[in-house]
N, C-alpha and C. Protein backbone atom coordinates (compact mmCIF):
# COMPACT_ATOMS: atom_id res chain seq x y z
N MET A 1 125.30 -117.02 142.31
CA MET A 1 123.93 -117.26 141.92
C MET A 1 123.05 -117.54 143.13
N ALA A 2 123.52 -118.35 144.05
CA ALA A 2 122.70 -118.76 145.18
C ALA A 2 122.31 -117.58 146.06
N TYR A 3 123.17 -116.58 146.14
CA TYR A 3 122.88 -115.45 147.01
C TYR A 3 121.62 -114.69 146.58
N LYS A 4 121.26 -114.78 145.32
CA LYS A 4 120.05 -114.10 144.85
C LYS A 4 118.79 -114.71 145.46
N PHE A 5 118.84 -116.01 145.77
CA PHE A 5 117.68 -116.70 146.29
C PHE A 5 117.82 -117.05 147.77
N ALA A 6 118.91 -116.64 148.39
CA ALA A 6 119.18 -117.00 149.79
C ALA A 6 118.33 -116.17 150.75
N SER A 7 118.15 -116.71 151.94
CA SER A 7 117.44 -115.99 152.99
C SER A 7 118.35 -114.92 153.58
N GLU A 8 117.74 -114.00 154.28
CA GLU A 8 118.52 -112.95 154.92
C GLU A 8 119.34 -113.54 156.07
N PRO A 9 120.47 -112.93 156.39
CA PRO A 9 121.32 -113.45 157.47
C PRO A 9 120.60 -113.56 158.81
N ARG A 10 119.65 -112.66 159.08
CA ARG A 10 118.97 -112.73 160.38
C ARG A 10 118.13 -113.99 160.52
N VAL A 11 117.62 -114.53 159.40
CA VAL A 11 116.86 -115.78 159.45
C VAL A 11 117.78 -116.92 159.89
N VAL A 12 118.95 -116.97 159.31
CA VAL A 12 119.92 -118.01 159.67
C VAL A 12 120.41 -117.81 161.10
N ALA A 13 120.66 -116.56 161.48
CA ALA A 13 121.11 -116.27 162.84
C ALA A 13 120.06 -116.69 163.87
N ARG A 14 118.80 -116.50 163.55
CA ARG A 14 117.73 -116.91 164.46
C ARG A 14 117.73 -118.42 164.65
N MET A 15 117.98 -119.16 163.57
CA MET A 15 118.03 -120.62 163.67
C MET A 15 119.23 -121.07 164.51
N VAL A 16 120.37 -120.44 164.32
CA VAL A 16 121.56 -120.78 165.10
C VAL A 16 121.33 -120.46 166.57
N ASP A 17 120.71 -119.32 166.84
CA ASP A 17 120.40 -118.92 168.21
C ASP A 17 119.46 -119.93 168.87
N ARG A 18 118.45 -120.33 168.14
CA ARG A 18 117.50 -121.31 168.66
C ARG A 18 118.20 -122.64 168.98
N ALA A 19 119.08 -123.06 168.11
CA ALA A 19 119.80 -124.32 168.32
C ALA A 19 120.77 -124.21 169.50
N ALA A 20 121.44 -123.08 169.61
CA ALA A 20 122.46 -122.92 170.66
C ALA A 20 121.85 -122.89 172.05
N PHE A 21 120.67 -122.31 172.19
CA PHE A 21 120.08 -122.14 173.51
C PHE A 21 118.95 -123.12 173.81
N SER A 22 118.75 -124.09 172.95
CA SER A 22 117.71 -125.09 173.17
C SER A 22 118.14 -126.08 174.24
N ARG A 23 117.20 -126.48 175.09
CA ARG A 23 117.51 -127.49 176.11
C ARG A 23 117.74 -128.85 175.46
N ARG A 24 116.99 -129.13 174.41
CA ARG A 24 117.13 -130.38 173.67
C ARG A 24 117.22 -130.05 172.18
N PRO A 25 118.40 -129.74 171.70
CA PRO A 25 118.54 -129.34 170.29
C PRO A 25 118.21 -130.47 169.33
N LYS A 26 117.64 -130.09 168.20
CA LYS A 26 117.33 -131.05 167.15
C LYS A 26 118.60 -131.41 166.39
N THR A 27 118.52 -132.48 165.63
CA THR A 27 119.65 -132.87 164.79
C THR A 27 119.80 -131.89 163.62
N ARG A 28 118.66 -131.47 163.06
CA ARG A 28 118.67 -130.55 161.92
C ARG A 28 117.62 -129.47 162.12
N TYR A 29 117.91 -128.31 161.59
CA TYR A 29 116.97 -127.20 161.61
C TYR A 29 116.76 -126.74 160.17
N ALA A 30 115.50 -126.52 159.83
CA ALA A 30 115.16 -126.01 158.50
C ALA A 30 114.83 -124.53 158.63
N GLY A 31 115.62 -123.72 158.00
CA GLY A 31 115.39 -122.28 158.09
C GLY A 31 115.51 -121.63 156.73
N GLY A 32 114.75 -120.61 156.53
CA GLY A 32 114.81 -119.89 155.27
C GLY A 32 113.67 -120.29 154.36
N ALA A 33 113.56 -119.54 153.30
CA ALA A 33 112.48 -119.76 152.34
C ALA A 33 112.66 -121.08 151.61
N GLY A 34 111.67 -121.92 151.67
CA GLY A 34 111.70 -123.16 150.92
C GLY A 34 112.42 -124.32 151.57
N ALA A 35 112.98 -124.14 152.75
CA ALA A 35 113.77 -125.22 153.37
C ALA A 35 112.88 -126.40 153.78
N LYS A 36 111.75 -126.12 154.40
CA LYS A 36 110.89 -127.21 154.86
C LYS A 36 110.31 -128.03 153.70
N PRO A 37 109.81 -127.38 152.64
CA PRO A 37 109.32 -128.19 151.51
C PRO A 37 110.42 -129.03 150.86
N ILE A 38 111.63 -128.49 150.79
CA ILE A 38 112.74 -129.26 150.20
C ILE A 38 113.04 -130.48 151.07
N LEU A 39 113.07 -130.31 152.39
CA LEU A 39 113.32 -131.45 153.28
C LEU A 39 112.20 -132.48 153.18
N MET A 40 110.97 -132.03 153.02
CA MET A 40 109.84 -132.95 152.87
C MET A 40 109.99 -133.75 151.58
N MET A 41 110.36 -133.08 150.50
CA MET A 41 110.56 -133.77 149.23
C MET A 41 111.70 -134.78 149.34
N ARG A 42 112.73 -134.42 150.11
CA ARG A 42 113.87 -135.32 150.30
C ARG A 42 113.43 -136.62 150.96
N LYS A 43 112.50 -136.51 151.89
CA LYS A 43 112.00 -137.70 152.59
C LYS A 43 111.10 -138.55 151.69
N LEU A 44 110.32 -137.89 150.84
CA LEU A 44 109.32 -138.59 150.05
C LEU A 44 109.85 -139.20 148.76
N LEU A 45 110.79 -138.53 148.12
CA LEU A 45 111.26 -138.97 146.81
C LEU A 45 112.48 -139.90 146.91
N PRO A 46 112.59 -140.83 145.97
CA PRO A 46 113.83 -141.60 145.88
C PRO A 46 115.00 -140.68 145.50
N ASP A 47 116.22 -141.14 145.75
CA ASP A 47 117.40 -140.31 145.53
C ASP A 47 117.49 -139.75 144.11
N ARG A 48 117.29 -140.60 143.11
CA ARG A 48 117.42 -140.13 141.72
C ARG A 48 116.37 -139.08 141.38
N CYS A 49 115.16 -139.27 141.85
CA CYS A 49 114.10 -138.29 141.59
C CYS A 49 114.41 -136.96 142.28
N PHE A 50 114.88 -137.05 143.52
CA PHE A 50 115.22 -135.83 144.25
C PHE A 50 116.37 -135.09 143.57
N ASP A 51 117.38 -135.83 143.13
CA ASP A 51 118.50 -135.20 142.42
C ASP A 51 118.03 -134.53 141.13
N SER A 52 117.14 -135.19 140.41
CA SER A 52 116.59 -134.61 139.17
C SER A 52 115.78 -133.35 139.48
N PHE A 53 115.04 -133.39 140.57
CA PHE A 53 114.25 -132.24 141.01
C PHE A 53 115.17 -131.05 141.30
N LEU A 54 116.24 -131.28 142.05
CA LEU A 54 117.18 -130.19 142.37
C LEU A 54 117.87 -129.66 141.12
N THR A 55 118.21 -130.55 140.21
CA THR A 55 118.83 -130.12 138.96
C THR A 55 117.88 -129.23 138.17
N ALA A 56 116.62 -129.62 138.10
CA ALA A 56 115.62 -128.82 137.38
C ALA A 56 115.44 -127.45 138.03
N ILE A 57 115.41 -127.40 139.35
CA ILE A 57 115.27 -126.13 140.06
C ILE A 57 116.46 -125.23 139.77
N ASN A 58 117.65 -125.79 139.81
CA ASN A 58 118.85 -125.00 139.55
C ASN A 58 118.88 -124.47 138.12
N LYS A 59 118.46 -125.28 137.15
CA LYS A 59 118.41 -124.82 135.76
C LYS A 59 117.40 -123.69 135.60
N TYR A 60 116.25 -123.82 136.26
CA TYR A 60 115.22 -122.79 136.20
C TYR A 60 115.72 -121.49 136.83
N ALA A 61 116.38 -121.60 137.98
CA ALA A 61 116.93 -120.41 138.64
C ALA A 61 117.97 -119.73 137.76
N GLN A 62 118.81 -120.52 137.13
CA GLN A 62 119.84 -119.95 136.24
C GLN A 62 119.19 -119.23 135.06
N LYS A 63 118.12 -119.80 134.53
CA LYS A 63 117.41 -119.18 133.41
C LYS A 63 116.83 -117.83 133.84
N ILE A 64 116.26 -117.77 135.03
CA ILE A 64 115.70 -116.51 135.55
C ILE A 64 116.80 -115.47 135.70
N LEU A 65 117.92 -115.88 136.28
CA LEU A 65 119.03 -114.94 136.47
C LEU A 65 119.58 -114.44 135.15
N ASN A 66 119.66 -115.30 134.17
CA ASN A 66 120.16 -114.89 132.85
C ASN A 66 119.23 -113.86 132.22
N LYS A 67 117.92 -114.05 132.37
CA LYS A 67 116.96 -113.07 131.83
C LYS A 67 117.09 -111.74 132.55
N GLN A 68 117.25 -111.77 133.88
CA GLN A 68 117.39 -110.53 134.64
C GLN A 68 118.67 -109.81 134.26
N THR A 69 119.75 -110.56 134.08
CA THR A 69 121.03 -109.96 133.71
C THR A 69 120.94 -109.32 132.33
N ALA A 70 120.31 -110.00 131.40
CA ALA A 70 120.15 -109.46 130.04
C ALA A 70 119.27 -108.21 130.06
N PHE A 71 118.26 -108.20 130.92
CA PHE A 71 117.36 -107.06 131.01
C PHE A 71 118.07 -105.83 131.60
N ASN A 72 118.98 -106.06 132.54
CA ASN A 72 119.68 -104.96 133.20
C ASN A 72 120.80 -104.36 132.37
N ARG A 73 121.17 -104.97 131.28
CA ARG A 73 122.27 -104.44 130.45
C ARG A 73 121.83 -103.32 129.59
């Protein structure tokens, strides 16, 4: 399921390249579609709210995939 919404491999490779050759590498790198907003929400929301948010996103994504699968049959 996750591969349907994942970023292309070159996006991840670019982040790894940037980290590997950086003079002062960061602790974390946010790469791909939606990574920065998710990290921002992680900082702003309490743990339970963030967990509920991720659960809701996953349920919504599953619903979309189920509709697409049913349509393609």
